Amino acid sequence: MFYPKDSHVGIVDGWDESGNVQIIHCASGHNGMVITARGGFVAVGRSNEYEDI
């Protein structure tokens, strides 16, 4: 998942019990990795490494 202009990147972790996507990302240097809802993420990408799967 990406923020506008690729200013922040997250990894889709799965879905919560309500069906909302959950994103793993570093919210700031002070609190490390977090799991949050989609929030400001606006685009989804997939590495070319997985095209054949």
N, C-alpha and C. Protein backbone atom coordinates (compact mmCIF):
# COMPACT_ATOMS: atom_id res chain seq x y z
N MET A 1 0.85 -1.16 0.00
CA MET A 1 0.00 0.00 0.00
C MET A 1 0.90 1.23 0.00
N PHE A 2 0.42 2.27 -0.66
CA PHE A 2 1.21 3.49 -0.78
C PHE A 2 0.37 4.72 -0.45
N TYR A 3 1.02 5.71 0.15
CA TYR A 3 0.43 7.04 0.33
C TYR A 3 0.55 7.79 -0.99
N PRO A 4 -0.15 8.91 -1.14
CA PRO A 4 0.00 9.71 -2.36
C PRO A 4 1.47 10.03 -2.61
N LYS A 5 1.87 10.02 -3.87
CA LYS A 5 3.23 10.29 -4.31
C LYS A 5 4.25 9.35 -3.66
N ASP A 6 3.81 8.18 -3.24
CA ASP A 6 4.68 7.16 -2.63
C ASP A 6 5.48 7.70 -1.45
N SER A 7 4.87 8.61 -0.68
CA SER A 7 5.58 9.23 0.44
C SER A 7 5.63 8.33 1.68
N HIS A 8 4.86 7.22 1.67
CA HIS A 8 4.84 6.29 2.80
C HIS A 8 4.40 4.94 2.27
N VAL A 9 4.97 3.87 2.78
CA VAL A 9 4.68 2.52 2.28
C VAL A 9 4.26 1.62 3.43
N GLY A 10 3.29 0.75 3.18
CA GLY A 10 2.87 -0.24 4.15
C GLY A 10 2.66 -1.58 3.48
N ILE A 11 2.52 -2.63 4.28
CA ILE A 11 2.31 -3.98 3.78
C ILE A 11 0.95 -4.47 4.25
N VAL A 12 0.15 -5.00 3.33
CA VAL A 12 -1.15 -5.55 3.70
C VAL A 12 -0.92 -6.79 4.53
N ASP A 13 -1.52 -6.80 5.73
CA ASP A 13 -1.35 -7.91 6.67
C ASP A 13 -2.54 -8.87 6.62
N GLY A 14 -3.68 -8.38 6.22
CA GLY A 14 -4.89 -9.19 6.19
C GLY A 14 -6.09 -8.31 6.46
N TRP A 15 -7.13 -8.90 7.05
CA TRP A 15 -8.36 -8.17 7.31
C TRP A 15 -8.77 -8.36 8.75
N ASP A 16 -9.43 -7.34 9.31
CA ASP A 16 -9.95 -7.46 10.67
C ASP A 16 -11.28 -8.20 10.64
N GLU A 17 -11.90 -8.38 11.79
CA GLU A 17 -13.15 -9.14 11.88
C GLU A 17 -14.31 -8.49 11.14
N SER A 18 -14.19 -7.21 10.80
CA SER A 18 -15.24 -6.50 10.04
C SER A 18 -14.96 -6.49 8.55
N GLY A 19 -13.84 -7.09 8.12
CA GLY A 19 -13.50 -7.14 6.71
C GLY A 19 -12.68 -5.96 6.22
N ASN A 20 -12.20 -5.11 7.12
CA ASN A 20 -11.38 -3.97 6.75
C ASN A 20 -9.92 -4.39 6.63
N VAL A 21 -9.24 -3.89 5.60
CA VAL A 21 -7.84 -4.23 5.39
C VAL A 21 -6.99 -3.67 6.54
N GLN A 22 -5.98 -4.43 6.93
CA GLN A 22 -5.04 -4.03 7.98
C GLN A 22 -3.66 -3.85 7.35
N ILE A 23 -2.99 -2.75 7.69
CA ILE A 23 -1.70 -2.41 7.10
C ILE A 23 -0.63 -2.37 8.18
N ILE A 24 0.52 -3.01 7.91
CA ILE A 24 1.68 -2.92 8.79
C ILE A 24 2.56 -1.80 8.23
N HIS A 25 2.93 -0.86 9.08
CA HIS A 25 3.81 0.23 8.64
C HIS A 25 4.46 0.88 9.85
N CYS A 26 5.47 1.68 9.57
CA CYS A 26 6.17 2.41 10.62
C CYS A 26 5.51 3.78 10.73
N ALA A 27 4.78 4.00 11.82
CA ALA A 27 4.06 5.26 11.99
C ALA A 27 5.00 6.41 12.31
N SER A 28 6.07 6.14 13.01
CA SER A 28 7.10 7.15 13.31
C SER A 28 8.33 6.44 13.84
N GLY A 29 9.41 7.14 13.92
CA GLY A 29 10.63 6.56 14.45
C GLY A 29 10.56 6.26 15.93
N HIS A 30 9.55 6.83 16.61
CA HIS A 30 9.45 6.70 18.06
C HIS A 30 8.73 5.43 18.50
N ASN A 31 7.78 4.94 17.69
CA ASN A 31 7.02 3.79 18.16
C ASN A 31 7.15 2.56 17.26
N GLY A 32 8.03 2.56 16.32
CA GLY A 32 8.27 1.38 15.50
C GLY A 32 7.09 0.98 14.63
N MET A 33 6.94 -0.32 14.42
CA MET A 33 5.91 -0.85 13.53
C MET A 33 4.56 -0.90 14.22
N VAL A 34 3.51 -0.60 13.44
CA VAL A 34 2.14 -0.66 13.94
C VAL A 34 1.27 -1.36 12.90
N ILE A 35 0.12 -1.84 13.34
CA ILE A 35 -0.90 -2.38 12.44
C ILE A 35 -2.11 -1.47 12.57
N THR A 36 -2.52 -0.88 11.44
CA THR A 36 -3.63 0.06 11.45
C THR A 36 -4.58 -0.24 10.30
N ALA A 37 -5.69 0.48 10.27
CA ALA A 37 -6.62 0.42 9.15
C ALA A 37 -5.99 1.13 7.96
N ARG A 38 -6.66 1.14 6.86
CA ARG A 38 -6.14 1.69 5.61
C ARG A 38 -5.72 3.15 5.72
N GLY A 39 -6.44 3.96 6.45
CA GLY A 39 -6.08 5.36 6.68
C GLY A 39 -5.79 6.12 5.41
N GLY A 40 -4.62 6.76 5.32
CA GLY A 40 -4.25 7.58 4.17
C GLY A 40 -3.69 6.83 2.98
N PHE A 41 -3.60 5.50 3.08
CA PHE A 41 -3.08 4.72 1.96
C PHE A 41 -4.09 4.76 0.82
N VAL A 42 -3.60 5.05 -0.38
CA VAL A 42 -4.51 5.25 -1.51
C VAL A 42 -4.29 4.30 -2.68
N ALA A 43 -3.16 3.60 -2.72
CA ALA A 43 -2.88 2.75 -3.87
C ALA A 43 -2.30 1.42 -3.42
N VAL A 44 -2.53 0.40 -4.23
CA VAL A 44 -2.01 -0.93 -3.94
C VAL A 44 -1.07 -1.32 -5.08
N GLY A 45 0.05 -1.91 -4.74
CA GLY A 45 0.98 -2.39 -5.75
C GLY A 45 1.41 -3.80 -5.43
N ARG A 46 1.91 -4.50 -6.42
CA ARG A 46 2.40 -5.86 -6.22
C ARG A 46 3.72 -6.00 -6.96
N SER A 47 4.69 -6.55 -6.30
CA SER A 47 6.01 -6.72 -6.89
C SER A 47 5.93 -7.60 -8.12
N ASN A 48 6.73 -7.30 -9.12
CA ASN A 48 6.80 -8.13 -10.33
C ASN A 48 7.31 -9.53 -10.02
N GLU A 49 7.95 -9.71 -8.88
CA GLU A 49 8.47 -11.01 -8.49
C GLU A 49 7.37 -12.05 -8.32
N TYR A 50 6.13 -11.63 -8.13
CA TYR A 50 5.04 -12.54 -7.85
C TYR A 50 4.06 -12.68 -9.00
N GLU A 51 4.39 -12.22 -10.18
CA GLU A 51 3.47 -12.28 -11.30
C GLU A 51 3.13 -13.71 -11.71
N ASP A 52 4.03 -14.64 -11.55
CA ASP A 52 3.80 -16.02 -11.99
C ASP A 52 3.07 -16.87 -10.96
N ILE A 53 2.82 -16.32 -9.79
CA ILE A 53 2.17 -17.11 -8.73
C ILE A 53 0.67 -16.96 -8.81
